[in-house]
Amino acid sequence: MAMDNATAVFEFLLIGISNYPEWRVTFFTLVLITYLSTLLGNGLMIFLIHFDSHLHTPMYFFLANLSFLDLCYGTASMPQALVHCFSTHPFLSYPQCLTQMSVSLTLATAECLLLAVMAYDRVVAISNPLHYSMVMNGPVCIWLAATSWGASLVLTAMLILSLKLQFCEANVINHFVCEILSIIKLACSDTSFNELMILITSIFTLLLPFGFVLLSYVRIVAAVLSIHSVQGRLKSFSTCGSHLVVVTVFYGAAISMYMKPQSKSSTDRDKFISVFYGALTPMLNPLIYSLRNRDVKGAIRKVMAKMT
């Protein structure tokens, strides 16, 4: 991010919930509960997958990666929102703001790509069950997860390095965190190239993975319909239900933020949408998977039995 020396901005003021002071206590309480639930739920999911050998399968390997991502993603923004909630001057220095934004973008991108990888895992499991363990072996799973992380780093680096902005003394961000769209709105220089780069990276991180997920489910549905027994169909669909719910929530909120014309953007609405996929989704993911999954429920019972 480049800034003109005469009008350099060295720190940003985050408005957060300041526009709604009557909601501060409620907002703080909700974010605190959400963050603690995120830590507990995702931490428990990682522990269960490590603890129970029956969960040492490709699907749960990717789920453990997703839980770790959600732990990091929630921690990248929610503690900061809590600290600034009652702060009189919630300032962040320029390096802090850039770091927080880069970390959040990397983790969100990795989650988008990992959800697509998890869809591929379900396609192989349902369409080709006899060769599933051969196709989705350990090295392949590690490679797919590492590729998701590596690609997210590359795409985020491209986006951050392309930011060439000048700020004409404007340093007030109408957001809870340093979010890229909110920062671009502060710039007094031409931002058309930056908006183009956001659109291009959004295509690779949102539209293409989401399109792949949709095509994967078309193939899954076709494979399930070819199963003659009703019980077999229900069992196959049950392994995909949780993933489909998570995909719908996460991609839906992110696409509504980054794939619309910025001229039609509402700052207040956008910052609350970002809370939805940046805070609620990491909390809901382990809950969705645990409530709809017999294996996870069985692992919880085993842990409780050993503790009693």
C-alpha atoms as a PDB file:
ATOM      1  CA  MET A   1       0.000   0.000   0.000  1.00  0.00           C
ATOM      2  CA  ALA A   2       1.639   3.209  -1.125  1.00  0.00           C
ATOM      3  CA  MET A   3       0.829   6.582   0.433  1.00  0.00           C
ATOM      4  CA  ASP A   4       1.757  10.110  -0.507  1.00  0.00           C
ATOM      5  CA  ASN A   5       4.308  11.519   1.951  1.00  0.00           C
ATOM      6  CA  ALA A   6       2.449  14.794   2.341  1.00  0.00           C
ATOM      7  CA  THR A   7      -0.752  13.096   3.422  1.00  0.00           C
ATOM      8  CA  ALA A   8       0.598   9.887   4.911  1.00  0.00           C
ATOM      9  CA  VAL A   9      -1.724   8.017   7.244  1.00  0.00           C
ATOM     10  CA  PHE A  10       0.119   6.142   9.971  1.00  0.00           C
ATOM     11  CA  GLU A  11      -2.872   4.868  11.927  1.00  0.00           C
ATOM     12  CA  PHE A  12      -6.540   4.111  11.372  1.00  0.00           C
ATOM     13  CA  LEU A  13      -9.538   4.783  13.599  1.00  0.00           C
ATOM     14  CA  LEU A  14     -11.968   1.862  13.648  1.00  0.00           C
ATOM     15  CA  ILE A  15     -15.551   3.005  14.239  1.00  0.00           C
ATOM     16  CA  GLY A  16     -16.900  -0.476  14.882  1.00  0.00           C
ATOM     17  CA  ILE A  17     -20.011  -0.207  17.033  1.00  0.00           C
ATOM     18  CA  SER A  18     -19.444   3.468  17.911  1.00  0.00           C
ATOM     19  CA  ASN A  19     -22.344   4.513  15.668  1.00  0.00           C
ATOM     20  CA  TYR A  20     -24.640   2.482  17.905  1.00  0.00           C
ATOM     21  CA  PRO A  21     -23.460   3.133  21.509  1.00  0.00           C
ATOM     22  CA  GLU A  22     -26.643   1.652  22.953  1.00  0.00           C
ATOM     23  CA  TRP A  23     -25.652  -1.712  21.438  1.00  0.00           C
ATOM     24  CA  ARG A  24     -22.113  -1.850  22.859  1.00  0.00           C
ATOM     25  CA  VAL A  25     -22.831  -4.156  25.792  1.00  0.00           C
ATOM     26  CA  THR A  26     -25.006  -6.445  23.680  1.00  0.00           C
ATOM     27  CA  PHE A  27     -22.440  -6.546  20.880  1.00  0.00           C
ATOM     28  CA  PHE A  28     -19.569  -7.239  23.284  1.00  0.00           C
ATOM     29  CA  THR A  29     -21.512 -10.055  24.956  1.00  0.00           C
ATOM     30  CA  LEU A  30     -22.482 -11.666  21.651  1.00  0.00           C
ATOM     31  CA  VAL A  31     -18.958 -11.467  20.215  1.00  0.00           C
ATOM     32  CA  LEU A  32     -17.452 -12.842  23.442  1.00  0.00           C
ATOM     33  CA  ILE A  33     -19.869 -15.791  23.474  1.00  0.00           C
ATOM     34  CA  THR A  34     -19.246 -16.372  19.769  1.00  0.00           C
ATOM     35  CA  TYR A  35     -15.464 -16.328  20.187  1.00  0.00           C
ATOM     36  CA  LEU A  36     -15.455 -18.629  23.215  1.00  0.00           C
ATOM     37  CA  SER A  37     -17.798 -21.005  21.369  1.00  0.00           C
ATOM     38  CA  THR A  38     -15.467 -20.896  18.356  1.00  0.00           C
ATOM     39  CA  LEU A  39     -12.480 -21.828  20.514  1.00  0.00           C
ATOM     40  CA  LEU A  40     -14.358 -24.570  22.341  1.00  0.00           C
ATOM     41  CA  GLY A  41     -16.150 -26.068  19.336  1.00  0.00           C
ATOM     42  CA  ASN A  42     -13.241 -26.140  16.923  1.00  0.00           C
ATOM     43  CA  GLY A  43     -10.756 -27.139  19.605  1.00  0.00           C
ATOM     44  CA  LEU A  44     -13.015 -30.030  20.595  1.00  0.00           C
ATOM     45  CA  MET A  45     -13.397 -31.095  16.967  1.00  0.00           C
ATOM     46  CA  ILE A  46      -9.611 -31.200  16.459  1.00  0.00           C
ATOM     47  CA  PHE A  47      -9.168 -33.132  19.721  1.00  0.00           C
ATOM     48  CA  LEU A  48     -11.856 -35.697  18.834  1.00  0.00           C
ATOM     49  CA  ILE A  49     -10.421 -36.317  15.378  1.00  0.00           C
ATOM     50  CA  HIS A  50      -6.969 -36.830  16.890  1.00  0.00           C
ATOM     51  CA  PHE A  51      -8.310 -38.926  19.785  1.00  0.00           C
ATOM     52  CA  ASP A  52     -10.596 -41.368  17.930  1.00  0.00           C
ATOM     53  CA  SER A  53      -8.876 -43.662  15.414  1.00  0.00           C
ATOM     54  CA  HIS A  54     -12.241 -44.194  13.673  1.00  0.00           C
ATOM     55  CA  LEU A  55     -12.028 -40.548  12.584  1.00  0.00           C
ATOM     56  CA  HIS A  56      -8.629 -40.962  10.939  1.00  0.00           C
ATOM     57  CA  THR A  57     -10.103 -40.776   7.446  1.00  0.00           C
ATOM     58  CA  PRO A  58      -9.698 -38.236   4.613  1.00  0.00           C
ATOM     59  CA  MET A  59     -13.033 -36.534   5.379  1.00  0.00           C
ATOM     60  CA  TYR A  60     -12.077 -35.903   9.006  1.00  0.00           C
ATOM     61  CA  PHE A  61      -8.535 -34.930   8.048  1.00  0.00           C
ATOM     62  CA  PHE A  62     -10.001 -32.088   6.003  1.00  0.00           C
ATOM     63  CA  LEU A  63     -12.500 -31.309   8.753  1.00  0.00           C
ATOM     64  CA  ALA A  64      -9.626 -30.964  11.237  1.00  0.00           C
ATOM     65  CA  ASN A  65      -7.972 -28.546   8.801  1.00  0.00           C
ATOM     66  CA  LEU A  66     -11.228 -26.598   8.556  1.00  0.00           C
ATOM     67  CA  SER A  67     -11.507 -26.426  12.351  1.00  0.00           C
ATOM     68  CA  PHE A  68      -7.924 -25.164  12.631  1.00  0.00           C
ATOM     69  CA  LEU A  69      -8.662 -22.543   9.963  1.00  0.00           C
ATOM     70  CA  ASP A  70     -11.765 -21.414  11.844  1.00  0.00           C
ATOM     71  CA  LEU A  71      -9.806 -21.163  15.097  1.00  0.00           C
ATOM     72  CA  CYS A  72      -7.244 -18.912  13.430  1.00  0.00           C
ATOM     73  CA  TYR A  73      -9.820 -16.955  11.441  1.00  0.00           C
ATOM     74  CA  GLY A  74     -11.870 -16.114  14.520  1.00  0.00           C
ATOM     75  CA  THR A  75      -8.748 -15.188  16.494  1.00  0.00           C
ATOM     76  CA  ALA A  76      -7.574 -12.841  13.728  1.00  0.00           C
ATOM     77  CA  SER A  77     -10.508 -10.487  14.238  1.00  0.00           C
ATOM     78  CA  MET A  78     -12.760 -11.170  17.241  1.00  0.00           C
ATOM     79  CA  PRO A  79     -10.318 -10.349  20.101  1.00  0.00           C
ATOM     80  CA  GLN A  80      -9.578  -7.039  18.389  1.00  0.00           C
ATOM     81  CA  ALA A  81     -13.294  -6.268  18.072  1.00  0.00           C
ATOM     82  CA  LEU A  82     -13.725  -7.046  21.788  1.00  0.00           C
ATOM     83  CA  VAL A  83     -10.826  -4.820  22.864  1.00  0.00           C
ATOM     84  CA  HIS A  84     -12.046  -1.910  20.737  1.00  0.00           C
ATOM     85  CA  CYS A  85     -15.676  -2.218  21.766  1.00  0.00           C
ATOM     86  CA  PHE A  86     -15.368   0.078  24.787  1.00  0.00           C
ATOM     87  CA  SER A  87     -12.214   1.910  23.692  1.00  0.00           C
ATOM     88  CA  THR A  88     -12.472   5.693  23.426  1.00  0.00           C
ATOM     89  CA  HIS A  89      -9.866   5.817  20.660  1.00  0.00           C
ATOM     90  CA  PRO A  90      -9.763   2.415  18.908  1.00  0.00           C
ATOM     91  CA  PHE A  91      -6.740   3.120  16.724  1.00  0.00           C
ATOM     92  CA  LEU A  92      -4.633   0.597  14.831  1.00  0.00           C
ATOM     93  CA  SER A  93      -1.231   1.470  13.426  1.00  0.00           C
ATOM     94  CA  TYR A  94      -0.705   1.089   9.694  1.00  0.00           C
ATOM     95  CA  PRO A  95       1.509  -2.061  10.056  1.00  0.00           C
ATOM     96  CA  GLN A  96      -0.991  -3.632  12.481  1.00  0.00           C
ATOM     97  CA  CYS A  97      -3.872  -2.903  10.126  1.00  0.00           C
ATOM     98  CA  LEU A  98      -2.040  -4.324   7.102  1.00  0.00           C
ATOM     99  CA  THR A  99      -1.019  -7.452   9.029  1.00  0.00           C
ATOM    100  CA  GLN A 100      -4.503  -8.111  10.370  1.00  0.00           C
ATOM    101  CA  MET A 101      -6.028  -7.635   6.917  1.00  0.00           C
ATOM    102  CA  SER A 102      -3.484  -9.928   5.248  1.00  0.00           C
ATOM    103  CA  VAL A 103      -3.958 -12.705   7.813  1.00  0.00           C
ATOM    104  CA  SER A 104      -7.763 -12.555   7.587  1.00  0.00           C
ATOM    105  CA  LEU A 105      -7.710 -12.585   3.775  1.00  0.00           C
ATOM    106  CA  THR A 106      -5.318 -15.546   3.701  1.00  0.00           C
ATOM    107  CA  LEU A 107      -7.430 -17.589   6.119  1.00  0.00           C
ATOM    108  CA  ALA A 108     -10.723 -16.752   4.385  1.00  0.00           C
ATOM    109  CA  THR A 109      -9.237 -17.688   1.002  1.00  0.00           C
ATOM    110  CA  ALA A 110      -7.863 -20.948   2.398  1.00  0.00           C
ATOM    111  CA  GLU A 111     -11.306 -21.811   3.762  1.00  0.00           C
ATOM    112  CA  CYS A 112     -12.937 -21.179   0.371  1.00  0.00           C
ATOM    113  CA  LEU A 113     -10.462 -23.509  -1.334  1.00  0.00           C
ATOM    114  CA  LEU A 114     -10.620 -26.142   1.400  1.00  0.00           C
ATOM    115  CA  LEU A 115     -14.423 -26.326   1.137  1.00  0.00           C
ATOM    116  CA  ALA A 116     -13.981 -27.090  -2.570  1.00  0.00           C
ATOM    117  CA  VAL A 117     -11.444 -29.810  -1.719  1.00  0.00           C
ATOM    118  CA  MET A 118     -13.911 -31.308   0.751  1.00  0.00           C
ATOM    119  CA  ALA A 119     -16.527 -31.408  -2.021  1.00  0.00           C
ATOM    120  CA  TYR A 120     -14.079 -33.366  -4.205  1.00  0.00           C
ATOM    121  CA  ASP A 121     -13.524 -35.788  -1.316  1.00  0.00           C
ATOM    122  CA  ARG A 122     -17.281 -36.413  -1.096  1.00  0.00           C
ATOM    123  CA  VAL A 123     -17.515 -36.944  -4.877  1.00  0.00           C
ATOM    124  CA  VAL A 124     -14.835 -39.639  -4.768  1.00  0.00           C
ATOM    125  CA  ALA A 125     -16.349 -41.281  -1.669  1.00  0.00           C
ATOM    126  CA  ILE A 126     -19.843 -41.543  -3.168  1.00  0.00           C
ATOM    127  CA  SER A 127     -19.120 -41.949  -6.887  1.00  0.00           C
ATOM    128  CA  ASN A 128     -16.199 -44.332  -6.541  1.00  0.00           C
ATOM    129  CA  PRO A 129     -16.418 -45.930  -3.071  1.00  0.00           C
ATOM    130  CA  LEU A 130     -14.418 -49.065  -3.952  1.00  0.00           C
ATOM    131  CA  HIS A 131     -11.363 -47.010  -4.915  1.00  0.00           C
ATOM    132  CA  TYR A 132     -11.866 -44.218  -2.354  1.00  0.00           C
ATOM    133  CA  SER A 133      -9.021 -45.219  -0.031  1.00  0.00           C
ATOM    134  CA  MET A 134      -6.703 -45.610  -2.994  1.00  0.00           C
ATOM    135  CA  VAL A 135      -7.543 -42.263  -4.597  1.00  0.00           C
ATOM    136  CA  MET A 136      -7.718 -40.248  -1.360  1.00  0.00           C
ATOM    137  CA  ASN A 137      -4.614 -41.700   0.290  1.00  0.00           C
ATOM    138  CA  GLY A 138      -2.507 -39.883   2.874  1.00  0.00           C
ATOM    139  CA  PRO A 139      -0.063 -38.112   0.526  1.00  0.00           C
ATOM    140  CA  VAL A 140      -2.912 -36.942  -1.721  1.00  0.00           C
ATOM    141  CA  CYS A 141      -4.853 -35.515   1.240  1.00  0.00           C
ATOM    142  CA  ILE A 142      -1.781 -33.688   2.531  1.00  0.00           C
ATOM    143  CA  TRP A 143      -1.054 -32.343  -0.958  1.00  0.00           C
ATOM    144  CA  LEU A 144      -4.637 -31.071  -1.397  1.00  0.00           C
ATOM    145  CA  ALA A 145      -4.633 -29.361   2.009  1.00  0.00           C
ATOM    146  CA  ALA A 146      -1.175 -27.853   1.430  1.00  0.00           C
ATOM    147  CA  THR A 147      -2.261 -26.611  -2.003  1.00  0.00           C
ATOM    148  CA  SER A 148      -5.234 -24.832  -0.441  1.00  0.00           C
ATOM    149  CA  TRP A 149      -2.951 -23.074   2.042  1.00  0.00           C
ATOM    150  CA  GLY A 150      -0.287 -22.298  -0.570  1.00  0.00           C
ATOM    151  CA  ALA A 151      -2.728 -20.939  -3.138  1.00  0.00           C
ATOM    152  CA  SER A 152      -4.356 -18.726  -0.494  1.00  0.00           C
ATOM    153  CA  LEU A 153      -0.965 -17.228   0.376  1.00  0.00           C
ATOM    154  CA  VAL A 154      -0.199 -16.517  -3.286  1.00  0.00           C
ATOM    155  CA  LEU A 155      -3.603 -14.984  -4.062  1.00  0.00           C
ATOM    156  CA  THR A 156      -3.537 -12.814  -0.938  1.00  0.00           C
ATOM    157  CA  ALA A 157       0.009 -11.647  -1.658  1.00  0.00           C
ATOM    158  CA  MET A 158      -1.018 -10.664  -5.196  1.00  0.00           C
ATOM    159  CA  LEU A 159      -3.945  -8.658  -3.836  1.00  0.00           C
ATOM    160  CA  ILE A 160      -2.003  -6.913  -1.057  1.00  0.00           C
ATOM    161  CA  LEU A 161       0.979  -6.050  -3.271  1.00  0.00           C
ATOM    162  CA  SER A 162      -1.349  -4.546  -5.874  1.00  0.00           C
ATOM    163  CA  LEU A 163      -2.675  -1.965  -3.394  1.00  0.00           C
ATOM    164  CA  LYS A 164      -1.312   1.431  -4.437  1.00  0.00           C
ATOM    165  CA  LEU A 165      -3.412   3.849  -2.449  1.00  0.00           C
ATOM    166  CA  GLN A 166      -3.151   7.462  -1.353  1.00  0.00           C
ATOM    167  CA  PHE A 167      -5.057   8.753   1.641  1.00  0.00           C
ATOM    168  CA  CYS A 168      -5.887  12.446   1.860  1.00  0.00           C
ATOM    169  CA  GLU A 169      -5.861  12.595   5.668  1.00  0.00           C
ATOM    170  CA  ALA A 170      -8.838  10.215   5.839  1.00  0.00           C
ATOM    171  CA  ASN A 171      -8.180   7.507   8.415  1.00  0.00           C
ATOM    172  CA  VAL A 172     -11.625   6.547   9.775  1.00  0.00           C
ATOM    173  CA  ILE A 173     -12.620   2.960   8.907  1.00  0.00           C
ATOM    174  CA  ASN A 174     -16.317   2.221   9.322  1.00  0.00           C
ATOM    175  CA  HIS A 175     -15.700  -1.356  10.372  1.00  0.00           C
ATOM    176  CA  PHE A 176     -14.793  -3.572  13.326  1.00  0.00           C
ATOM    177  CA  VAL A 177     -11.533  -4.697  11.708  1.00  0.00           C
ATOM    178  CA  CYS A 178      -9.182  -3.648   8.915  1.00  0.00           C
ATOM    179  CA  GLU A 179     -11.188  -4.914   5.964  1.00  0.00           C
ATOM    180  CA  ILE A 180      -9.912  -4.340   2.436  1.00  0.00           C
ATOM    181  CA  LEU A 181     -13.090  -2.837   0.946  1.00  0.00           C
ATOM    182  CA  SER A 182     -13.406  -0.372   3.819  1.00  0.00           C
ATOM    183  CA  ILE A 183      -9.779   0.724   3.426  1.00  0.00           C
ATOM    184  CA  ILE A 184     -10.122   1.217  -0.324  1.00  0.00           C
ATOM    185  CA  LYS A 185     -13.096   3.511   0.288  1.00  0.00           C
ATOM    186  CA  LEU A 186     -10.803   5.839   2.261  1.00  0.00           C
ATOM    187  CA  ALA A 187      -8.409   6.367  -0.640  1.00  0.00           C
ATOM    188  CA  CYS A 188      -8.455   9.644  -2.548  1.00  0.00           C
ATOM    189  CA  SER A 189      -6.524   8.129  -5.464  1.00  0.00           C
ATOM    190  CA  ASP A 190      -8.033   6.152  -8.333  1.00  0.00           C
ATOM    191  CA  THR A 191      -9.050   2.726  -7.003  1.00  0.00           C
ATOM    192  CA  SER A 192     -10.370   1.169 -10.227  1.00  0.00           C
ATOM    193  CA  PHE A 193      -7.322  -1.108 -10.550  1.00  0.00           C
ATOM    194  CA  ASN A 194      -7.674  -2.239  -6.937  1.00  0.00           C
ATOM    195  CA  GLU A 195     -11.369  -3.003  -7.435  1.00  0.00           C
ATOM    196  CA  LEU A 196     -10.460  -4.974 -10.589  1.00  0.00           C
ATOM    197  CA  MET A 197      -7.892  -6.993  -8.637  1.00  0.00           C
ATOM    198  CA  ILE A 198     -10.456  -7.741  -5.921  1.00  0.00           C
ATOM    199  CA  LEU A 199     -12.874  -8.919  -8.620  1.00  0.00           C
ATOM    200  CA  ILE A 200     -10.225 -11.139 -10.252  1.00  0.00           C
ATOM    201  CA  THR A 201      -9.116 -12.720  -6.979  1.00  0.00           C
ATOM    202  CA  SER A 202     -12.760 -13.153  -5.953  1.00  0.00           C
ATOM    203  CA  ILE A 203     -13.352 -15.139  -9.139  1.00  0.00           C
ATOM    204  CA  PHE A 204     -10.519 -17.518  -8.221  1.00  0.00           C
ATOM    205  CA  THR A 205     -11.379 -17.737  -4.525  1.00  0.00           C
ATOM    206  CA  LEU A 206     -15.183 -17.585  -4.611  1.00  0.00           C
ATOM    207  CA  LEU A 207     -16.856 -18.131  -7.973  1.00  0.00           C
ATOM    208  CA  LEU A 208     -14.629 -20.905  -9.350  1.00  0.00           C
ATOM    209  CA  PRO A 209     -14.513 -22.934  -6.086  1.00  0.00           C
ATOM    210  CA  PHE A 210     -18.251 -22.412  -5.583  1.00  0.00           C
ATOM    211  CA  GLY A 211     -18.914 -23.489  -9.168  1.00  0.00           C
ATOM    212  CA  PHE A 212     -16.773 -26.579  -8.593  1.00  0.00           C
ATOM    213  CA  VAL A 213     -18.774 -27.372  -5.446  1.00  0.00           C
ATOM    214  CA  LEU A 214     -22.057 -27.067  -7.363  1.00  0.00           C
ATOM    215  CA  LEU A 215     -20.805 -29.359 -10.145  1.00  0.00           C
ATOM    216  CA  SER A 216     -19.578 -31.795  -7.499  1.00  0.00           C
ATOM    217  CA  TYR A 217     -23.044 -31.968  -5.969  1.00  0.00           C
ATOM    218  CA  VAL A 218     -24.634 -32.510  -9.377  1.00  0.00           C
ATOM    219  CA  ARG A 219     -22.396 -35.557  -9.733  1.00  0.00           C
ATOM    220  CA  ILE A 220     -23.104 -36.637  -6.153  1.00  0.00           C
ATOM    221  CA  VAL A 221     -26.861 -36.425  -6.703  1.00  0.00           C
ATOM    222  CA  ALA A 222     -26.556 -38.466  -9.899  1.00  0.00           C
ATOM    223  CA  ALA A 223     -24.522 -41.121  -8.060  1.00  0.00           C
ATOM    224  CA  VAL A 224     -26.923 -41.230  -5.107  1.00  0.00           C
ATOM    225  CA  LEU A 225     -29.973 -41.582  -7.357  1.00  0.00           C
ATOM    226  CA  SER A 226     -28.369 -44.635  -8.927  1.00  0.00           C
ATOM    227  CA  ILE A 227     -28.407 -46.348  -5.504  1.00  0.00           C
ATOM    228  CA  HIS A 228     -31.441 -48.624  -5.338  1.00  0.00           C
ATOM    229  CA  SER A 229     -32.024 -48.792  -1.578  1.00  0.00           C
ATOM    230  CA  VAL A 230     -33.612 -45.834   0.178  1.00  0.00           C
ATOM    231  CA  GLN A 231     -31.406 -46.431   3.230  1.00  0.00           C
ATOM    232  CA  GLY A 232     -28.299 -46.299   1.053  1.00  0.00           C
ATOM    233  CA  ARG A 233     -29.420 -43.022  -0.483  1.00  0.00           C
ATOM    234  CA  LEU A 234     -30.091 -41.443   2.904  1.00  0.00           C
ATOM    235  CA  LYS A 235     -26.721 -42.588   4.242  1.00  0.00           C
ATOM    236  CA  SER A 236     -24.898 -41.098   1.240  1.00  0.00           C
ATOM    237  CA  PHE A 237     -26.774 -37.811   1.468  1.00  0.00           C
ATOM    238  CA  SER A 238     -26.169 -37.590   5.238  1.00  0.00           C
ATOM    239  CA  THR A 239     -22.391 -37.467   4.705  1.00  0.00           C
ATOM    240  CA  CYS A 240     -22.830 -34.399   2.477  1.00  0.00           C
ATOM    241  CA  GLY A 241     -25.532 -32.491   4.348  1.00  0.00           C
ATOM    242  CA  SER A 242     -23.234 -30.765   6.838  1.00  0.00           C
ATOM    243  CA  HIS A 243     -20.762 -29.728   4.147  1.00  0.00           C
ATOM    244  CA  LEU A 244     -23.553 -28.335   1.980  1.00  0.00           C
ATOM    245  CA  VAL A 245     -24.909 -26.211   4.855  1.00  0.00           C
ATOM    246  CA  VAL A 246     -21.433 -24.803   5.618  1.00  0.00           C
ATOM    247  CA  VAL A 247     -20.792 -24.064   1.935  1.00  0.00           C
ATOM    248  CA  THR A 248     -24.107 -22.239   1.555  1.00  0.00           C
ATOM    249  CA  VAL A 249     -23.542 -20.033   4.618  1.00  0.00           C
ATOM    250  CA  PHE A 250     -19.888 -19.179   3.964  1.00  0.00           C
ATOM    251  CA  TYR A 251     -19.932 -18.683   0.187  1.00  0.00           C
ATOM    252  CA  GLY A 252     -23.302 -16.943   0.277  1.00  0.00           C
ATOM    253  CA  ALA A 253     -22.153 -14.251   2.700  1.00  0.00           C
ATOM    254  CA  ALA A 254     -18.745 -13.780   1.043  1.00  0.00           C
ATOM    255  CA  ILE A 255     -20.137 -13.556  -2.502  1.00  0.00           C
ATOM    256  CA  SER A 256     -22.728 -10.994  -1.383  1.00  0.00           C
ATOM    257  CA  MET A 257     -19.821  -8.876  -0.085  1.00  0.00           C
ATOM    258  CA  TYR A 258     -17.175  -9.118  -2.795  1.00  0.00           C
ATOM    259  CA  MET A 259     -19.017  -9.911  -6.034  1.00  0.00           C
ATOM    260  CA  LYS A 260     -21.300  -6.876  -6.203  1.00  0.00           C
ATOM    261  CA  PRO A 261     -20.604  -3.404  -7.664  1.00  0.00           C
ATOM    262  CA  GLN A 262     -19.002  -1.258  -4.975  1.00  0.00           C
ATOM    263  CA  SER A 263     -21.205   1.669  -6.009  1.00  0.00           C
ATOM    264  CA  LYS A 264     -24.146  -0.304  -4.588  1.00  0.00           C
ATOM    265  CA  SER A 265     -22.332  -1.111  -1.376  1.00  0.00           C
ATOM    266  CA  SER A 266     -23.730  -0.104   2.002  1.00  0.00           C
ATOM    267  CA  THR A 267     -20.944   0.338   4.551  1.00  0.00           C
ATOM    268  CA  ASP A 268     -23.013  -0.404   7.648  1.00  0.00           C
ATOM    269  CA  ARG A 269     -24.703  -3.410   6.042  1.00  0.00           C
ATOM    270  CA  ASP A 270     -21.400  -4.772   4.723  1.00  0.00           C
ATOM    271  CA  LYS A 271     -19.649  -4.635   8.069  1.00  0.00           C
ATOM    272  CA  PHE A 272     -22.421  -6.641   9.706  1.00  0.00           C
ATOM    273  CA  ILE A 273     -22.398  -9.160   6.834  1.00  0.00           C
ATOM    274  CA  SER A 274     -18.654  -9.551   7.377  1.00  0.00           C
ATOM    275  CA  VAL A 275     -19.337 -10.330  11.048  1.00  0.00           C
ATOM    276  CA  PHE A 276     -21.702 -13.066   9.876  1.00  0.00           C
ATOM    277  CA  TYR A 277     -19.121 -14.976   7.846  1.00  0.00           C
ATOM    278  CA  GLY A 278     -16.112 -13.865   9.867  1.00  0.00           C
ATOM    279  CA  ALA A 279     -17.454 -14.672  13.328  1.00  0.00           C
ATOM    280  CA  LEU A 280     -20.599 -16.786  13.146  1.00  0.00           C
ATOM    281  CA  THR A 281     -19.381 -19.220  10.481  1.00  0.00           C
ATOM    282  CA  PRO A 282     -16.287 -20.351  12.460  1.00  0.00           C
ATOM    283  CA  MET A 283     -18.562 -20.922  15.445  1.00  0.00           C
ATOM    284  CA  LEU A 284     -21.292 -22.742  13.501  1.00  0.00           C
ATOM    285  CA  ASN A 285     -19.061 -25.105  11.496  1.00  0.00           C
ATOM    286  CA  PRO A 286     -18.198 -27.549  14.323  1.00  0.00           C
ATOM    287  CA  LEU A 287     -21.771 -27.349  15.610  1.00  0.00           C
ATOM    288  CA  ILE A 288     -23.190 -28.226  12.189  1.00  0.00           C
ATOM    289  CA  TYR A 289     -20.813 -31.148  11.722  1.00  0.00           C
ATOM    290  CA  SER A 290     -21.241 -32.539  15.233  1.00  0.00           C
ATOM    291  CA  LEU A 291     -25.036 -32.374  15.282  1.00  0.00           C
ATOM    292  CA  ARG A 292     -25.398 -34.104  11.924  1.00  0.00           C
ATOM    293  CA  ASN A 293     -22.654 -36.692  12.291  1.00  0.00           C
ATOM    294  CA  ARG A 294     -22.951 -40.036  14.080  1.00  0.00           C
ATOM    295  CA  ASP A 295     -19.188 -40.621  14.103  1.00  0.00           C
ATOM    296  CA  VAL A 296     -18.513 -37.347  15.913  1.00  0.00           C
ATOM    297  CA  LYS A 297     -21.295 -38.044  18.415  1.00  0.00           C
ATOM    298  CA  GLY A 298     -19.776 -41.484  19.007  1.00  0.00           C
ATOM    299  CA  ALA A 299     -16.344 -39.950  19.604  1.00  0.00           C
ATOM    300  CA  ILE A 300     -17.851 -37.532  22.133  1.00  0.00           C
ATOM    301  CA  ARG A 301     -19.458 -40.449  23.998  1.00  0.00           C
ATOM    302  CA  LYS A 302     -16.117 -42.282  24.086  1.00  0.00           C
ATOM    303  CA  VAL A 303     -14.365 -39.254  25.559  1.00  0.00           C
ATOM    304  CA  MET A 304     -17.073 -38.792  28.172  1.00  0.00           C
ATOM    305  CA  ALA A 305     -16.942 -42.507  29.054  1.00  0.00           C
ATOM    306  CA  LYS A 306     -13.181 -42.317  29.638  1.00  0.00           C
ATOM    307  CA  MET A 307     -13.581 -39.238  31.818  1.00  0.00           C
ATOM    308  CA  THR A 308     -16.164 -40.894  34.091  1.00  0.00           C
END
